Amino acid sequence: MADASKPNWHDAFPAPRTTAPIITREEVLPNLSSGDLLLVDVRRTDFEGGTIKGSLNLPAHSFYMNRAVLFDLCKRAGVKKVAFYCGKQ
């Protein structure tokens, strides 16, 4: 359980203004090798259970600072959707 006196790592960043839609496993599977979809694993180093082949590891605590670079790279590569996952259900 988290210590109430200790702030969470995400408290240092602006609160989300919107909630992204959830993409299902059934929507992801056919697009895994298409190049239209990039999967981003937002875990730090806790890869318990493994990772999804072809996904990019970009820990959540580093995403805010790197979002413009990720957007530019996806745009250049023709990636149409980015899905983030952490392995939790």
C-alpha atoms as a PDB file:
ATOM      1  CA  MET A   1       0.000   0.000   0.000  1.00  0.00           C
ATOM      2  CA  ALA A   2       1.291   3.503  -0.836  1.00  0.00           C
ATOM      3  CA  ASP A   3       2.496   5.786   1.931  1.00  0.00           C
ATOM      4  CA  ALA A   4      -0.023   8.673   2.120  1.00  0.00           C
ATOM      5  CA  SER A   5       2.727  11.128   3.161  1.00  0.00           C
ATOM      6  CA  LYS A   6       4.892  10.311   0.125  1.00  0.00           C
ATOM      7  CA  PRO A   7       3.742  11.832  -3.184  1.00  0.00           C
ATOM      8  CA  ASN A   8       3.252   9.635  -6.252  1.00  0.00           C
ATOM      9  CA  TRP A   9       5.698  10.061  -9.139  1.00  0.00           C
ATOM     10  CA  HIS A  10       2.851  11.365 -11.326  1.00  0.00           C
ATOM     11  CA  ASP A  11       2.014  14.215  -8.934  1.00  0.00           C
ATOM     12  CA  ALA A  12       4.867  16.200 -10.538  1.00  0.00           C
ATOM     13  CA  PHE A  13       3.057  16.309 -13.902  1.00  0.00           C
ATOM     14  CA  PRO A  14      -0.128  18.026 -15.113  1.00  0.00           C
ATOM     15  CA  ALA A  15      -3.328  16.056 -14.616  1.00  0.00           C
ATOM     16  CA  PRO A  16      -4.775  14.440 -17.754  1.00  0.00           C
ATOM     17  CA  ARG A  17      -7.387  16.537 -19.535  1.00  0.00           C
ATOM     18  CA  THR A  18      -8.976  13.589 -21.319  1.00  0.00           C
ATOM     19  CA  THR A  19      -9.159   9.834 -21.034  1.00  0.00           C
ATOM     20  CA  ALA A  20      -7.966   7.786 -23.972  1.00  0.00           C
ATOM     21  CA  PRO A  21     -10.258   5.111 -25.358  1.00  0.00           C
ATOM     22  CA  ILE A  22      -9.467   1.518 -24.430  1.00  0.00           C
ATOM     23  CA  ILE A  23      -8.398  -0.791 -27.238  1.00  0.00           C
ATOM     24  CA  THR A  24      -9.211  -4.462 -26.873  1.00  0.00           C
ATOM     25  CA  ARG A  25      -6.953  -7.437 -27.446  1.00  0.00           C
ATOM     26  CA  GLU A  26      -9.113  -8.348 -30.442  1.00  0.00           C
ATOM     27  CA  GLU A  27      -8.461  -4.917 -31.987  1.00  0.00           C
ATOM     28  CA  VAL A  28      -4.720  -5.096 -31.305  1.00  0.00           C
ATOM     29  CA  LEU A  29      -3.897  -8.584 -32.591  1.00  0.00           C
ATOM     30  CA  PRO A  30      -4.634  -8.018 -36.297  1.00  0.00           C
ATOM     31  CA  ASN A  31      -2.653  -4.754 -36.244  1.00  0.00           C
ATOM     32  CA  LEU A  32       0.496  -5.962 -34.449  1.00  0.00           C
ATOM     33  CA  SER A  33       2.548  -6.395 -37.603  1.00  0.00           C
ATOM     34  CA  SER A  34       0.828  -3.807 -39.791  1.00  0.00           C
ATOM     35  CA  GLY A  35       3.005  -0.826 -38.869  1.00  0.00           C
ATOM     36  CA  ASP A  36      -0.122   1.229 -38.202  1.00  0.00           C
ATOM     37  CA  LEU A  37      -0.046   0.489 -34.467  1.00  0.00           C
ATOM     38  CA  LEU A  38       2.730   1.080 -31.944  1.00  0.00           C
ATOM     39  CA  LEU A  39       2.494  -0.602 -28.549  1.00  0.00           C
ATOM     40  CA  VAL A  40       4.235   1.229 -25.718  1.00  0.00           C
ATOM     41  CA  ASP A  41       5.014  -0.602 -22.487  1.00  0.00           C
ATOM     42  CA  VAL A  42       4.932   2.060 -19.751  1.00  0.00           C
ATOM     43  CA  ARG A  43       6.418  -0.099 -16.990  1.00  0.00           C
ATOM     44  CA  ARG A  44       9.832   0.749 -15.579  1.00  0.00           C
ATOM     45  CA  THR A  45      11.725  -2.500 -15.127  1.00  0.00           C
ATOM     46  CA  ASP A  46       8.991  -4.679 -13.685  1.00  0.00           C
ATOM     47  CA  PHE A  47       8.488  -6.878 -16.733  1.00  0.00           C
ATOM     48  CA  GLU A  48       6.893  -9.674 -14.743  1.00  0.00           C
ATOM     49  CA  GLY A  49       5.156 -11.871 -17.263  1.00  0.00           C
ATOM     50  CA  GLY A  50       7.247 -10.531 -20.158  1.00  0.00           C
ATOM     51  CA  THR A  51       6.633  -7.940 -22.810  1.00  0.00           C
ATOM     52  CA  ILE A  52       4.830  -7.928 -26.131  1.00  0.00           C
ATOM     53  CA  LYS A  53       7.201  -8.571 -29.024  1.00  0.00           C
ATOM     54  CA  GLY A  54       7.723  -5.399 -31.049  1.00  0.00           C
ATOM     55  CA  SER A  55       6.585  -3.051 -28.293  1.00  0.00           C
ATOM     56  CA  LEU A  56       8.599  -0.044 -27.193  1.00  0.00           C
ATOM     57  CA  ASN A  57       9.474   0.448 -23.522  1.00  0.00           C
ATOM     58  CA  LEU A  58       8.894   4.055 -22.506  1.00  0.00           C
ATOM     59  CA  PRO A  59       8.353   4.205 -18.737  1.00  0.00           C
ATOM     60  CA  ALA A  60       5.378   6.326 -17.709  1.00  0.00           C
ATOM     61  CA  HIS A  61       7.526   8.667 -15.633  1.00  0.00           C
ATOM     62  CA  SER A  62       9.536   9.596 -18.759  1.00  0.00           C
ATOM     63  CA  PHE A  63       6.630   9.885 -21.189  1.00  0.00           C
ATOM     64  CA  TYR A  64       5.650  13.489 -20.479  1.00  0.00           C
ATOM     65  CA  MET A  65       9.147  14.761 -21.326  1.00  0.00           C
ATOM     66  CA  ASN A  66       9.384  12.598 -24.463  1.00  0.00           C
ATOM     67  CA  ARG A  67       5.876  12.913 -25.882  1.00  0.00           C
ATOM     68  CA  ALA A  68       6.849  15.356 -28.650  1.00  0.00           C
ATOM     69  CA  VAL A  69       9.660  13.078 -29.828  1.00  0.00           C
ATOM     70  CA  LEU A  70       7.345  10.056 -29.792  1.00  0.00           C
ATOM     71  CA  PHE A  71       4.703  11.992 -31.739  1.00  0.00           C
ATOM     72  CA  ASP A  72       7.265  13.081 -34.359  1.00  0.00           C
ATOM     73  CA  LEU A  73       8.693   9.569 -34.750  1.00  0.00           C
ATOM     74  CA  CYS A  74       5.221   8.065 -35.126  1.00  0.00           C
ATOM     75  CA  LYS A  75       4.224  10.685 -37.664  1.00  0.00           C
ATOM     76  CA  ARG A  76       7.357  10.039 -39.736  1.00  0.00           C
ATOM     77  CA  ALA A  77       6.870   6.260 -39.552  1.00  0.00           C
ATOM     78  CA  GLY A  78       3.193   6.419 -40.542  1.00  0.00           C
ATOM     79  CA  VAL A  79       1.980   5.055 -37.219  1.00  0.00           C
ATOM     80  CA  LYS A  80      -1.738   5.797 -36.972  1.00  0.00           C
ATOM     81  CA  LYS A  81      -2.434   4.515 -33.431  1.00  0.00           C
ATOM     82  CA  VAL A  82      -0.400   4.270 -30.257  1.00  0.00           C
ATOM     83  CA  ALA A  83      -1.558   1.978 -27.470  1.00  0.00           C
ATOM     84  CA  PHE A  84      -0.032   2.110 -23.999  1.00  0.00           C
ATOM     85  CA  TYR A  85       0.002  -0.853 -21.652  1.00  0.00           C
ATOM     86  CA  CYS A  86       1.362  -1.698 -18.257  1.00  0.00           C
ATOM     87  CA  GLY A  87       0.500  -5.345 -17.777  1.00  0.00           C
ATOM     88  CA  LYS A  88      -2.058  -4.712 -15.042  1.00  0.00           C
ATOM     89  CA  GLN A  89      -5.681  -5.576 -15.503  1.00  0.00           C
END
